[in-house]
Amino acid sequence: MDFLLIVPVLLFSVVVHEVAHAWQALREGDPTARDLGRITLNPLPHLDLMGSIVVPVVLHLLPGDFLFGWAKPVPVNPRNYRDYRAGDIRVSLAGIVSNLGLVAVCAALLALIAAFGVTSNTDGSTFGSLSSSIVLMLTYGVFINLILAYFNLIPIPPLDGSHVLYHLLPPELAVRYRSMGRYGITLLFFTLVLFPGAFAVALSPVFLAFQWILRATVG
């Protein structure tokens, strides 16, 4: 993997994910994230030491060509939502929807580039090299955003999918379930480090979707 091409794509993708949460929270009636300056594509307010720097670097150094990361979660106050249950679900799913939107955008641009046939750099030209780099970044954009959407659907607190499951559980069990959020990210990180092969198997739907998109866009 070309680390220098992947990092900006990953960073942009996780920032868009968090901005989507903040924007949807504002629509639901909660201005907390907006007031703290989190509705911005500037990556600095969103950077998380562990998820944006440590985890991607460690995974890059490990065998397996797998890269993952996250930004600092946006602060929200669900008590401000006009409808607490529906609002919490919509805010949680907004990040996943944003990543799927980026998949669609990257795939559409890949198809457009392929249609105009500007991806070759066999002549060593600057334009050819630049177009190849753009194609690689768009390809990584499809793959990374598929992974982000897929991972966040996993119902491990505090991942986005856990908010949906929380509202489907009986109240007492739901409280215990949400308390797992203190350990969820740590558990996920160590699982990634210790059992990278297991995640390759778990990610098989992502690989299948990625291959299908590439066949549909660039042939």
N, C-alpha and C. Protein backbone atom coordinates (compact mmCIF):
# COMPACT_ATOMS: atom_id res chain seq x y z
N MET A 1 0.85 -1.20 0.00
CA MET A 1 0.00 0.00 0.00
C MET A 1 0.88 1.24 0.00
N ASP A 2 0.42 2.28 -0.65
CA ASP A 2 1.13 3.55 -0.67
C ASP A 2 0.62 4.39 0.50
N PHE A 3 1.38 4.37 1.58
CA PHE A 3 0.97 5.01 2.83
C PHE A 3 0.70 6.50 2.63
N LEU A 4 1.52 7.15 1.82
CA LEU A 4 1.39 8.60 1.64
C LEU A 4 0.11 8.97 0.88
N LEU A 5 -0.40 8.05 0.09
CA LEU A 5 -1.66 8.30 -0.60
C LEU A 5 -2.86 7.92 0.26
N ILE A 6 -2.69 6.90 1.08
CA ILE A 6 -3.81 6.41 1.88
C ILE A 6 -4.14 7.33 3.04
N VAL A 7 -3.11 7.87 3.70
CA VAL A 7 -3.34 8.67 4.91
C VAL A 7 -4.28 9.85 4.67
N PRO A 8 -4.06 10.68 3.63
CA PRO A 8 -5.02 11.78 3.44
C PRO A 8 -6.43 11.31 3.13
N VAL A 9 -6.55 10.19 2.42
CA VAL A 9 -7.89 9.66 2.13
C VAL A 9 -8.56 9.19 3.41
N LEU A 10 -7.82 8.47 4.24
CA LEU A 10 -8.36 8.00 5.51
C LEU A 10 -8.75 9.18 6.40
N LEU A 11 -7.86 10.16 6.48
CA LEU A 11 -8.12 11.33 7.33
C LEU A 11 -9.37 12.08 6.87
N PHE A 12 -9.46 12.32 5.57
CA PHE A 12 -10.64 13.02 5.04
C PHE A 12 -11.91 12.23 5.30
N SER A 13 -11.84 10.92 5.16
CA SER A 13 -13.02 10.07 5.32
C SER A 13 -13.53 10.08 6.75
N VAL A 14 -12.62 9.98 7.73
CA VAL A 14 -13.07 9.97 9.13
C VAL A 14 -13.55 11.35 9.56
N VAL A 15 -12.97 12.40 8.98
CA VAL A 15 -13.44 13.76 9.29
C VAL A 15 -14.86 13.96 8.75
N VAL A 16 -15.11 13.55 7.53
CA VAL A 16 -16.45 13.65 6.95
C VAL A 16 -17.45 12.86 7.81
N HIS A 17 -17.02 11.70 8.27
CA HIS A 17 -17.86 10.85 9.13
C HIS A 17 -18.29 11.63 10.38
N GLU A 18 -17.35 12.28 11.05
CA GLU A 18 -17.67 13.01 12.27
C GLU A 18 -18.48 14.27 11.99
N VAL A 19 -18.16 14.95 10.90
CA VAL A 19 -18.94 16.14 10.53
C VAL A 19 -20.40 15.76 10.27
N ALA A 20 -20.61 14.60 9.67
CA ALA A 20 -21.98 14.14 9.41
C ALA A 20 -22.74 13.94 10.72
N HIS A 21 -22.07 13.35 11.73
CA HIS A 21 -22.70 13.22 13.05
C HIS A 21 -23.08 14.59 13.61
N ALA A 22 -22.13 15.53 13.54
CA ALA A 22 -22.36 16.86 14.11
C ALA A 22 -23.49 17.59 13.39
N TRP A 23 -23.50 17.49 12.07
CA TRP A 23 -24.52 18.17 11.27
C TRP A 23 -25.90 17.59 11.55
N GLN A 24 -25.99 16.26 11.64
CA GLN A 24 -27.28 15.64 11.91
C GLN A 24 -27.75 15.95 13.33
N ALA A 25 -26.81 16.01 14.28
CA ALA A 25 -27.19 16.37 15.65
C ALA A 25 -27.80 17.78 15.69
N LEU A 26 -27.22 18.68 14.91
CA LEU A 26 -27.77 20.04 14.84
C LEU A 26 -29.18 20.01 14.26
N ARG A 27 -29.40 19.21 13.26
CA ARG A 27 -30.74 19.09 12.67
C ARG A 27 -31.73 18.52 13.67
N GLU A 28 -31.24 17.67 14.57
CA GLU A 28 -32.12 17.07 15.57
C GLU A 28 -32.38 18.01 16.74
N GLY A 29 -31.70 19.17 16.77
CA GLY A 29 -31.94 20.14 17.82
C GLY A 29 -30.80 20.33 18.80
N ASP A 30 -29.67 19.67 18.58
CA ASP A 30 -28.54 19.78 19.51
C ASP A 30 -27.40 20.56 18.87
N PRO A 31 -27.09 21.77 19.40
CA PRO A 31 -26.03 22.59 18.81
C PRO A 31 -24.65 22.37 19.44
N THR A 32 -24.51 21.35 20.29
CA THR A 32 -23.27 21.16 21.04
C THR A 32 -22.05 21.09 20.13
N ALA A 33 -22.07 20.21 19.14
CA ALA A 33 -20.92 20.03 18.24
C ALA A 33 -20.66 21.30 17.43
N ARG A 34 -21.72 21.94 16.98
CA ARG A 34 -21.55 23.19 16.22
C ARG A 34 -20.88 24.25 17.07
N ASP A 35 -21.32 24.39 18.32
CA ASP A 35 -20.78 25.42 19.19
C ASP A 35 -19.32 25.16 19.54
N LEU A 36 -18.89 23.91 19.45
CA LEU A 36 -17.50 23.55 19.73
C LEU A 36 -16.65 23.53 18.47
N GLY A 37 -17.21 23.99 17.36
CA GLY A 37 -16.45 24.11 16.11
C GLY A 37 -16.18 22.81 15.40
N ARG A 38 -17.07 21.83 15.56
CA ARG A 38 -16.83 20.52 14.95
C ARG A 38 -17.54 20.33 13.61
N ILE A 39 -18.32 21.30 13.18
CA ILE A 39 -18.89 21.19 11.83
C ILE A 39 -17.94 21.90 10.88
N THR A 40 -16.83 21.27 10.62
CA THR A 40 -15.78 21.81 9.76
C THR A 40 -14.98 20.67 9.15
N LEU A 41 -14.52 20.87 7.92
CA LEU A 41 -13.67 19.87 7.28
C LEU A 41 -12.20 20.07 7.62
N ASN A 42 -11.89 21.10 8.40
CA ASN A 42 -10.53 21.27 8.92
C ASN A 42 -10.23 20.07 9.82
N PRO A 43 -9.21 19.26 9.51
CA PRO A 43 -8.98 18.03 10.27
C PRO A 43 -8.50 18.26 11.70
N LEU A 44 -7.91 19.42 12.00
CA LEU A 44 -7.28 19.62 13.31
C LEU A 44 -8.24 19.44 14.49
N PRO A 45 -9.45 20.01 14.46
CA PRO A 45 -10.35 19.80 15.60
C PRO A 45 -10.82 18.37 15.76
N HIS A 46 -10.64 17.55 14.72
CA HIS A 46 -11.16 16.19 14.74
C HIS A 46 -10.10 15.13 15.06
N LEU A 47 -8.82 15.51 15.07
CA LEU A 47 -7.76 14.52 15.24
C LEU A 47 -7.80 13.88 16.61
N ASP A 48 -7.62 12.57 16.61
CA ASP A 48 -7.54 11.79 17.85
C ASP A 48 -6.17 11.11 17.87
N LEU A 49 -5.43 11.29 18.95
CA LEU A 49 -4.07 10.76 19.03
C LEU A 49 -4.02 9.27 18.73
N MET A 50 -4.89 8.51 19.36
CA MET A 50 -4.88 7.06 19.18
C MET A 50 -5.43 6.66 17.81
N GLY A 51 -6.64 7.13 17.50
CA GLY A 51 -7.32 6.67 16.29
C GLY A 51 -6.82 7.27 15.00
N SER A 52 -6.31 8.51 15.05
CA SER A 52 -5.87 9.19 13.83
C SER A 52 -4.39 9.05 13.55
N ILE A 53 -3.61 8.69 14.57
CA ILE A 53 -2.16 8.62 14.40
C ILE A 53 -1.60 7.26 14.79
N VAL A 54 -1.78 6.86 16.06
CA VAL A 54 -1.13 5.65 16.57
C VAL A 54 -1.62 4.40 15.86
N VAL A 55 -2.94 4.22 15.80
CA VAL A 55 -3.49 3.00 15.20
C VAL A 55 -3.12 2.87 13.72
N PRO A 56 -3.30 3.91 12.88
CA PRO A 56 -2.91 3.77 11.47
C PRO A 56 -1.43 3.45 11.29
N VAL A 57 -0.55 4.09 12.08
CA VAL A 57 0.88 3.83 11.95
C VAL A 57 1.21 2.40 12.36
N VAL A 58 0.65 1.94 13.47
CA VAL A 58 0.92 0.57 13.94
C VAL A 58 0.44 -0.44 12.92
N LEU A 59 -0.77 -0.25 12.40
CA LEU A 59 -1.32 -1.18 11.41
C LEU A 59 -0.51 -1.17 10.12
N HIS A 60 0.02 0.00 9.76
CA HIS A 60 0.85 0.09 8.56
C HIS A 60 2.13 -0.72 8.73
N LEU A 61 2.67 -0.76 9.94
CA LEU A 61 3.92 -1.47 10.20
C LEU A 61 3.71 -2.97 10.34
N LEU A 62 2.47 -3.38 10.61
CA LEU A 62 2.18 -4.80 10.76
C LEU A 62 1.96 -5.45 9.39
N PRO A 63 2.18 -6.76 9.29
CA PRO A 63 1.89 -7.46 8.02
C PRO A 63 0.39 -7.50 7.77
N GLY A 64 0.03 -7.58 6.52
CA GLY A 64 -1.38 -7.76 6.19
C GLY A 64 -1.98 -6.64 5.36
N ASP A 65 -1.27 -5.51 5.18
CA ASP A 65 -1.78 -4.42 4.35
C ASP A 65 -3.18 -3.98 4.75
N PHE A 66 -3.39 -3.83 6.06
CA PHE A 66 -4.70 -3.39 6.54
C PHE A 66 -4.53 -2.08 7.29
N LEU A 67 -5.37 -1.10 6.97
CA LEU A 67 -5.27 0.21 7.61
C LEU A 67 -6.65 0.64 8.07
N PHE A 68 -6.69 1.16 9.28
CA PHE A 68 -7.95 1.60 9.87
C PHE A 68 -7.67 2.73 10.83
N GLY A 69 -8.67 3.55 11.11
CA GLY A 69 -8.49 4.63 12.05
C GLY A 69 -9.81 5.33 12.29
N TRP A 70 -9.77 6.33 13.17
CA TRP A 70 -10.98 7.08 13.46
C TRP A 70 -10.60 8.48 13.94
N ALA A 71 -11.56 9.37 13.92
CA ALA A 71 -11.35 10.72 14.42
C ALA A 71 -11.95 10.84 15.82
N LYS A 72 -11.71 11.97 16.45
CA LYS A 72 -12.26 12.22 17.78
C LYS A 72 -13.79 12.29 17.67
N PRO A 73 -14.50 11.49 18.46
CA PRO A 73 -15.97 11.54 18.38
C PRO A 73 -16.49 12.94 18.68
N VAL A 74 -17.51 13.35 17.93
CA VAL A 74 -18.08 14.67 18.19
C VAL A 74 -18.94 14.62 19.46
N PRO A 75 -18.86 15.65 20.30
CA PRO A 75 -19.70 15.68 21.50
C PRO A 75 -21.13 16.05 21.14
N VAL A 76 -22.07 15.28 21.61
CA VAL A 76 -23.49 15.58 21.40
C VAL A 76 -24.23 15.42 22.72
N ASN A 77 -25.35 16.08 22.81
CA ASN A 77 -26.21 15.97 24.00
C ASN A 77 -27.58 15.50 23.54
N PRO A 78 -27.83 14.19 23.59
CA PRO A 78 -29.10 13.65 23.10
C PRO A 78 -30.33 14.22 23.80
N ARG A 79 -30.15 14.82 24.99
CA ARG A 79 -31.29 15.43 25.68
C ARG A 79 -31.87 16.60 24.89
N ASN A 80 -31.06 17.14 24.00
CA ASN A 80 -31.54 18.26 23.18
C ASN A 80 -32.31 17.80 21.95
N TYR A 81 -32.25 16.52 21.63
CA TYR A 81 -32.95 16.03 20.45
C TYR A 81 -34.47 16.20 20.63
N ARG A 82 -35.13 16.59 19.57
CA ARG A 82 -36.58 16.72 19.64
C ARG A 82 -37.25 15.37 19.88
N ASP A 83 -36.65 14.32 19.34
CA ASP A 83 -37.12 12.94 19.58
C ASP A 83 -35.89 12.13 19.94
N TYR A 84 -35.74 11.81 21.22
CA TYR A 84 -34.49 11.21 21.70
C TYR A 84 -34.16 9.91 20.96
N ARG A 85 -35.09 8.99 20.89
CA ARG A 85 -34.81 7.67 20.31
C ARG A 85 -34.51 7.78 18.82
N ALA A 86 -35.40 8.41 18.06
CA ALA A 86 -35.19 8.54 16.62
C ALA A 86 -33.98 9.40 16.32
N GLY A 87 -33.80 10.47 17.11
CA GLY A 87 -32.66 11.35 16.89
C GLY A 87 -31.34 10.66 17.11
N ASP A 88 -31.25 9.87 18.17
CA ASP A 88 -30.01 9.15 18.47
C ASP A 88 -29.67 8.18 17.35
N ILE A 89 -30.67 7.50 16.82
CA ILE A 89 -30.44 6.55 15.74
C ILE A 89 -30.00 7.28 14.47
N ARG A 90 -30.67 8.38 14.14
CA ARG A 90 -30.33 9.11 12.92
C ARG A 90 -28.93 9.73 13.02
N VAL A 91 -28.60 10.29 14.17
CA VAL A 91 -27.27 10.88 14.35
C VAL A 91 -26.20 9.80 14.22
N SER A 92 -26.45 8.64 14.80
CA SER A 92 -25.48 7.54 14.74
C SER A 92 -25.28 7.04 13.32
N LEU A 93 -26.37 6.91 12.58
CA LEU A 93 -26.28 6.38 11.22
C LEU A 93 -25.77 7.40 10.21
N ALA A 94 -25.76 8.69 10.59
CA ALA A 94 -25.33 9.73 9.65
C ALA A 94 -23.89 9.52 9.20
N GLY A 95 -23.02 9.08 10.12
CA GLY A 95 -21.63 8.84 9.74
C GLY A 95 -21.50 7.73 8.72
N ILE A 96 -22.26 6.66 8.92
CA ILE A 96 -22.23 5.54 7.99
C ILE A 96 -22.74 5.97 6.62
N VAL A 97 -23.82 6.74 6.61
CA VAL A 97 -24.37 7.23 5.34
C VAL A 97 -23.36 8.11 4.62
N SER A 98 -22.62 8.94 5.38
CA SER A 98 -21.62 9.81 4.76
C SER A 98 -20.51 9.00 4.10
N ASN A 99 -20.09 7.91 4.74
CA ASN A 99 -19.05 7.07 4.16
C ASN A 99 -19.55 6.37 2.90
N LEU A 100 -20.78 5.91 2.92
CA LEU A 100 -21.35 5.29 1.72
C LEU A 100 -21.49 6.33 0.60
N GLY A 101 -21.78 7.58 0.99
CA GLY A 101 -21.83 8.65 0.00
C GLY A 101 -20.47 8.89 -0.65
N LEU A 102 -19.40 8.83 0.16
CA LEU A 102 -18.06 8.98 -0.38
C LEU A 102 -17.69 7.81 -1.29
N VAL A 103 -18.17 6.62 -0.96
CA VAL A 103 -17.96 5.46 -1.85
C VAL A 103 -18.57 5.75 -3.21
N ALA A 104 -19.79 6.27 -3.21
CA ALA A 104 -20.49 6.56 -4.47
C ALA A 104 -19.76 7.64 -5.26
N VAL A 105 -19.28 8.68 -4.58
CA VAL A 105 -18.57 9.77 -5.26
C VAL A 105 -17.27 9.27 -5.87
N CYS A 106 -16.49 8.52 -5.08
CA CYS A 106 -15.21 8.00 -5.58
C CYS A 106 -15.43 7.05 -6.76
N ALA A 107 -16.45 6.20 -6.65
CA ALA A 107 -16.74 5.25 -7.73
C ALA A 107 -17.16 5.99 -8.99
N ALA A 108 -17.98 7.03 -8.84
CA ALA A 108 -18.41 7.81 -10.01
C ALA A 108 -17.23 8.50 -10.69
N LEU A 109 -16.30 9.04 -9.90
CA LEU A 109 -15.12 9.69 -10.47
C LEU A 109 -14.21 8.67 -11.15
N LEU A 110 -14.09 7.48 -10.59
CA LEU A 110 -13.30 6.43 -11.23
C LEU A 110 -13.90 6.06 -12.58
N ALA A 111 -15.22 5.93 -12.61
CA ALA A 111 -15.88 5.60 -13.87
C ALA A 111 -15.67 6.70 -14.90
N LEU A 112 -15.71 7.96 -14.45
CA LEU A 112 -15.52 9.09 -15.35
C LEU A 112 -14.09 9.11 -15.92
N ILE A 113 -13.11 8.87 -15.05
CA ILE A 113 -11.72 8.84 -15.50
C ILE A 113 -11.49 7.69 -16.47
N ALA A 114 -12.06 6.53 -16.15
CA ALA A 114 -11.90 5.37 -17.03
C ALA A 114 -12.54 5.64 -18.40
N ALA A 115 -13.67 6.35 -18.39
CA ALA A 115 -14.37 6.63 -19.65
C ALA A 115 -13.55 7.53 -20.55
N PHE A 116 -12.77 8.44 -19.95
CA PHE A 116 -11.95 9.35 -20.74
C PHE A 116 -10.55 8.80 -20.99
N GLY A 117 -10.22 7.66 -20.39
CA GLY A 117 -8.95 6.99 -20.66
C GLY A 117 -7.72 7.81 -20.34
N VAL A 118 -7.68 8.43 -19.14
CA VAL A 118 -6.54 9.29 -18.80
C VAL A 118 -5.71 8.69 -17.68
N THR A 119 -5.75 7.37 -17.51
CA THR A 119 -5.08 6.77 -16.36
C THR A 119 -3.70 6.23 -16.68
N SER A 120 -3.31 6.25 -17.92
CA SER A 120 -2.03 5.66 -18.28
C SER A 120 -0.87 6.61 -18.00
N ASN A 121 0.25 6.05 -17.49
CA ASN A 121 1.46 6.87 -17.32
C ASN A 121 2.66 6.18 -17.94
N THR A 122 2.41 5.40 -18.99
CA THR A 122 3.49 4.64 -19.62
C THR A 122 4.52 5.55 -20.28
N ASP A 123 4.11 6.77 -20.60
CA ASP A 123 5.06 7.68 -21.23
C ASP A 123 5.89 8.45 -20.20
N GLY A 124 5.60 8.23 -18.91
CA GLY A 124 6.37 8.88 -17.86
C GLY A 124 6.02 10.34 -17.69
N SER A 125 4.96 10.80 -18.31
CA SER A 125 4.61 12.20 -18.24
C SER A 125 4.09 12.56 -16.85
N THR A 126 4.22 13.84 -16.51
CA THR A 126 3.72 14.32 -15.22
C THR A 126 2.22 14.13 -15.13
N PHE A 127 1.52 14.41 -16.23
CA PHE A 127 0.06 14.26 -16.23
C PHE A 127 -0.32 12.80 -16.02
N GLY A 128 0.41 11.91 -16.67
CA GLY A 128 0.10 10.48 -16.52
C GLY A 128 0.33 10.02 -15.10
N SER A 129 1.42 10.45 -14.48
CA SER A 129 1.72 10.06 -13.10
C SER A 129 0.69 10.64 -12.15
N LEU A 130 0.30 11.89 -12.39
CA LEU A 130 -0.70 12.52 -11.54
C LEU A 130 -2.03 11.82 -11.64
N SER A 131 -2.44 11.48 -12.87
CA SER A 131 -3.72 10.81 -13.04
C SER A 131 -3.71 9.43 -12.39
N SER A 132 -2.58 8.73 -12.44
CA SER A 132 -2.48 7.43 -11.79
C SER A 132 -2.60 7.57 -10.28
N SER A 133 -2.00 8.62 -9.72
CA SER A 133 -2.09 8.86 -8.28
C SER A 133 -3.54 9.18 -7.88
N ILE A 134 -4.22 9.94 -8.72
CA ILE A 134 -5.62 10.27 -8.44
C ILE A 134 -6.47 9.01 -8.46
N VAL A 135 -6.22 8.14 -9.44
CA VAL A 135 -6.96 6.88 -9.53
C VAL A 135 -6.72 6.04 -8.29
N LEU A 136 -5.47 5.96 -7.84
CA LEU A 136 -5.16 5.20 -6.63
C LEU A 136 -5.88 5.77 -5.42
N MET A 137 -5.89 7.08 -5.28
CA MET A 137 -6.54 7.70 -4.13
C MET A 137 -8.05 7.47 -4.17
N LEU A 138 -8.64 7.54 -5.35
CA LEU A 138 -10.06 7.27 -5.47
C LEU A 138 -10.38 5.81 -5.17
N THR A 139 -9.48 4.92 -5.61
CA THR A 139 -9.66 3.49 -5.32
C THR A 139 -9.58 3.24 -3.83
N TYR A 140 -8.58 3.85 -3.18
CA TYR A 140 -8.48 3.74 -1.72
C TYR A 140 -9.71 4.38 -1.05
N GLY A 141 -10.22 5.45 -1.67
CA GLY A 141 -11.41 6.10 -1.12
C GLY A 141 -12.60 5.16 -1.08
N VAL A 142 -12.77 4.38 -2.14
CA VAL A 142 -13.85 3.38 -2.17
C VAL A 142 -13.63 2.35 -1.07
N PHE A 143 -12.43 1.81 -1.00
CA PHE A 143 -12.15 0.71 -0.07
C PHE A 143 -12.23 1.18 1.39
N ILE A 144 -11.58 2.30 1.70
CA ILE A 144 -11.54 2.79 3.08
C ILE A 144 -12.94 3.14 3.57
N ASN A 145 -13.73 3.77 2.73
CA ASN A 145 -15.07 4.15 3.17
C ASN A 145 -16.00 2.95 3.29
N LEU A 146 -15.79 1.93 2.48
CA LEU A 146 -16.53 0.68 2.69
C LEU A 146 -16.19 0.08 4.04
N ILE A 147 -14.90 0.09 4.39
CA ILE A 147 -14.48 -0.45 5.69
C ILE A 147 -15.07 0.37 6.83
N LEU A 148 -15.01 1.70 6.72
CA LEU A 148 -15.54 2.54 7.79
C LEU A 148 -17.04 2.32 7.99
N ALA A 149 -17.78 2.24 6.89
CA ALA A 149 -19.22 2.00 6.99
C ALA A 149 -19.49 0.64 7.61
N TYR A 150 -18.75 -0.37 7.16
CA TYR A 150 -18.94 -1.74 7.65
C TYR A 150 -18.60 -1.84 9.14
N PHE A 151 -17.45 -1.31 9.51
CA PHE A 151 -17.01 -1.38 10.90
C PHE A 151 -17.99 -0.68 11.83
N ASN A 152 -18.47 0.48 11.42
CA ASN A 152 -19.35 1.23 12.30
C ASN A 152 -20.73 0.61 12.43
N LEU A 153 -21.05 -0.33 11.57
CA LEU A 153 -22.30 -1.07 11.72
C LEU A 153 -22.18 -2.17 12.77
N ILE A 154 -20.94 -2.54 13.13
CA ILE A 154 -20.74 -3.58 14.14
C ILE A 154 -21.28 -3.08 15.47
N PRO A 155 -22.16 -3.83 16.12
CA PRO A 155 -22.79 -3.35 17.36
C PRO A 155 -21.92 -3.52 18.60
N ILE A 156 -20.70 -2.94 18.55
CA ILE A 156 -19.82 -2.92 19.71
C ILE A 156 -19.75 -1.48 20.20
N PRO A 157 -20.26 -1.20 21.40
CA PRO A 157 -20.19 0.18 21.91
C PRO A 157 -18.74 0.66 21.94
N PRO A 158 -18.45 1.89 21.55
CA PRO A 158 -19.41 2.95 21.17
C PRO A 158 -19.59 3.11 19.66
N LEU A 159 -19.32 2.08 18.86
CA LEU A 159 -19.50 2.19 17.41
C LEU A 159 -20.96 2.50 17.09
N ASP A 160 -21.18 3.08 15.91
CA ASP A 160 -22.49 3.62 15.57
C ASP A 160 -23.60 2.57 15.62
N GLY A 161 -23.28 1.37 15.18
CA GLY A 161 -24.30 0.32 15.18
C GLY A 161 -24.83 -0.01 16.56
N SER A 162 -24.03 0.25 17.59
CA SER A 162 -24.45 -0.06 18.96
C SER A 162 -25.61 0.83 19.40
N HIS A 163 -25.71 2.04 18.84
CA HIS A 163 -26.80 2.94 19.23
C HIS A 163 -28.14 2.39 18.76
N VAL A 164 -28.14 1.76 17.59
CA VAL A 164 -29.38 1.17 17.09
C VAL A 164 -29.78 -0.01 17.95
N LEU A 165 -28.82 -0.91 18.25
CA LEU A 165 -29.13 -2.07 19.08
C LEU A 165 -29.55 -1.65 20.48
N TYR A 166 -28.94 -0.60 21.01
CA TYR A 166 -29.28 -0.11 22.35
C TYR A 166 -30.78 0.16 22.48
N HIS A 167 -31.35 0.78 21.47
CA HIS A 167 -32.76 1.15 21.53
C HIS A 167 -33.69 -0.05 21.29
N LEU A 168 -33.12 -1.16 20.89
CA LEU A 168 -33.93 -2.37 20.68
C LEU A 168 -33.92 -3.29 21.89
N LEU A 169 -33.04 -3.02 22.86
CA LEU A 169 -32.90 -3.87 24.03
C LEU A 169 -33.81 -3.40 25.17
N PRO A 170 -34.16 -4.32 26.09
CA PRO A 170 -34.88 -3.91 27.30
C PRO A 170 -34.03 -2.90 28.08
N PRO A 171 -34.66 -1.95 28.76
CA PRO A 171 -33.92 -0.85 29.41
C PRO A 171 -32.76 -1.28 30.29
N GLU A 172 -32.96 -2.26 31.16
CA GLU A 172 -31.89 -2.66 32.08
C GLU A 172 -30.71 -3.27 31.32
N LEU A 173 -31.02 -4.12 30.36
CA LEU A 173 -29.96 -4.72 29.56
C LEU A 173 -29.28 -3.68 28.69
N ALA A 174 -30.03 -2.69 28.21
CA ALA A 174 -29.47 -1.64 27.37
C ALA A 174 -28.43 -0.83 28.13
N VAL A 175 -28.69 -0.54 29.40
CA VAL A 175 -27.74 0.23 30.21
C VAL A 175 -26.44 -0.55 30.38
N ARG A 176 -26.54 -1.83 30.67
CA ARG A 176 -25.34 -2.66 30.82
C ARG A 176 -24.57 -2.76 29.50
N TYR A 177 -25.33 -2.87 28.43
CA TYR A 177 -24.72 -2.97 27.10
C TYR A 177 -23.94 -1.71 26.76
N ARG A 178 -24.53 -0.55 27.01
CA ARG A 178 -23.87 0.71 26.69
C ARG A 178 -22.63 0.92 27.56
N SER A 179 -22.62 0.39 28.77
CA SER A 179 -21.46 0.56 29.65
C SER A 179 -20.22 -0.13 29.09
N MET A 180 -20.41 -1.06 28.15
CA MET A 180 -19.27 -1.73 27.51
C MET A 180 -18.45 -0.76 26.66
N GLY A 181 -19.00 0.42 26.39
CA GLY A 181 -18.31 1.39 25.57
C GLY A 181 -16.97 1.82 26.13
N ARG A 182 -16.78 1.65 27.43
CA ARG A 182 -15.49 2.00 28.05
C ARG A 182 -14.37 1.11 27.55
N TYR A 183 -14.74 -0.09 27.10
CA TYR A 183 -13.71 -1.05 26.69
C TYR A 183 -13.79 -1.40 25.20
N GLY A 184 -14.83 -0.93 24.50
CA GLY A 184 -15.06 -1.36 23.13
C GLY A 184 -13.92 -1.06 22.18
N ILE A 185 -13.45 0.20 22.15
CA ILE A 185 -12.40 0.58 21.22
C ILE A 185 -11.09 -0.11 21.56
N THR A 186 -10.78 -0.21 22.87
CA THR A 186 -9.55 -0.90 23.29
C THR A 186 -9.58 -2.35 22.85
N LEU A 187 -10.71 -3.01 23.06
CA LEU A 187 -10.86 -4.41 22.65
C LEU A 187 -10.70 -4.55 21.15
N LEU A 188 -11.31 -3.64 20.40
CA LEU A 188 -11.24 -3.69 18.94
C LEU A 188 -9.80 -3.50 18.47
N PHE A 189 -9.08 -2.55 19.08
CA PHE A 189 -7.71 -2.28 18.68
C PHE A 189 -6.81 -3.49 18.90
N PHE A 190 -6.89 -4.09 20.09
CA PHE A 190 -6.03 -5.24 20.38
C PHE A 190 -6.40 -6.46 19.53
N THR A 191 -7.67 -6.57 19.18
CA THR A 191 -8.07 -7.66 18.29
C THR A 191 -7.47 -7.47 16.90
N LEU A 192 -7.47 -6.20 16.43
CA LEU A 192 -6.85 -5.89 15.14
C LEU A 192 -5.37 -6.25 15.14
N VAL A 193 -4.68 -5.93 16.24
CA VAL A 193 -3.25 -6.16 16.33
C VAL A 193 -2.93 -7.65 16.47
N LEU A 194 -3.68 -8.34 17.32
CA LEU A 194 -3.36 -9.73 17.65
C LEU A 194 -3.91 -10.72 16.62
N PHE A 195 -5.03 -10.39 16.00
CA PHE A 195 -5.66 -11.33 15.07
C PHE A 195 -6.02 -10.66 13.75
N PRO A 196 -5.02 -10.12 13.04
CA PRO A 196 -5.32 -9.45 11.77
C PRO A 196 -5.98 -10.37 10.74
N GLY A 197 -5.63 -11.66 10.79
CA GLY A 197 -6.22 -12.61 9.84
C GLY A 197 -7.70 -12.79 10.05
N ALA A 198 -8.14 -12.71 11.32
CA ALA A 198 -9.56 -12.86 11.62
C ALA A 198 -10.36 -11.72 11.01
N PHE A 199 -9.78 -10.53 11.00
CA PHE A 199 -10.49 -9.40 10.43
C PHE A 199 -10.54 -9.49 8.91
N ALA A 200 -9.55 -10.12 8.32
CA ALA A 200 -9.60 -10.31 6.87
C ALA A 200 -10.80 -11.17 6.49
N VAL A 201 -11.09 -12.17 7.32
CA VAL A 201 -12.26 -13.03 7.09
C VAL A 201 -13.54 -12.24 7.35
N ALA A 202 -13.55 -11.48 8.47
CA ALA A 202 -14.74 -10.71 8.81
C ALA A 202 -15.06 -9.65 7.76
N LEU A 203 -14.01 -9.18 7.08
CA LEU A 203 -14.18 -8.13 6.08
C LEU A 203 -14.49 -8.66 4.68
N SER A 204 -14.74 -9.94 4.56
CA SER A 204 -14.99 -10.52 3.24
C SER A 204 -16.14 -9.83 2.49
N PRO A 205 -17.23 -9.39 3.16
CA PRO A 205 -18.26 -8.66 2.41
C PRO A 205 -17.73 -7.35 1.82
N VAL A 206 -16.79 -6.71 2.54
CA VAL A 206 -16.20 -5.47 2.03
C VAL A 206 -15.38 -5.75 0.78
N PHE A 207 -14.57 -6.81 0.81
CA PHE A 207 -13.75 -7.16 -0.34
C PHE A 207 -14.63 -7.48 -1.55
N LEU A 208 -15.71 -8.19 -1.33
CA LEU A 208 -16.62 -8.54 -2.43
C LEU A 208 -17.25 -7.28 -3.02
N ALA A 209 -17.72 -6.39 -2.15
CA ALA A 209 -18.32 -5.14 -2.63
C ALA A 209 -17.29 -4.28 -3.37
N PHE A 210 -16.06 -4.25 -2.85
CA PHE A 210 -14.99 -3.48 -3.47
C PHE A 210 -14.67 -4.00 -4.87
N GLN A 211 -14.56 -5.32 -5.01
CA GLN A 211 -14.28 -5.92 -6.31
C GLN A 211 -15.41 -5.66 -7.30
N TRP A 212 -16.63 -5.73 -6.81
CA TRP A 212 -17.78 -5.48 -7.69
C TRP A 212 -17.77 -4.04 -8.18
N ILE A 213 -17.49 -3.09 -7.30
CA ILE A 213 -17.46 -1.67 -7.67
C ILE A 213 -16.37 -1.41 -8.69
N LEU A 214 -15.18 -2.01 -8.49
CA LEU A 214 -14.09 -1.81 -9.44
C LEU A 214 -14.45 -2.38 -10.81
N ARG A 215 -15.07 -3.55 -10.83
CA ARG A 215 -15.46 -4.13 -12.12
C ARG A 215 -16.50 -3.24 -12.80
N ALA A 216 -17.39 -2.65 -12.02
CA ALA A 216 -18.44 -1.83 -12.60
C ALA A 216 -17.94 -0.47 -13.08
N THR A 217 -16.83 0.01 -12.50
CA THR A 217 -16.36 1.36 -12.83
C THR A 217 -15.20 1.36 -13.82
N VAL A 218 -14.20 0.53 -13.56
CA VAL A 218 -13.00 0.56 -14.41
C VAL A 218 -12.82 -0.71 -15.22
N GLY A 219 -13.69 -1.70 -15.03
CA GLY A 219 -13.61 -2.92 -15.82
C GLY A 219 -12.59 -3.91 -15.32
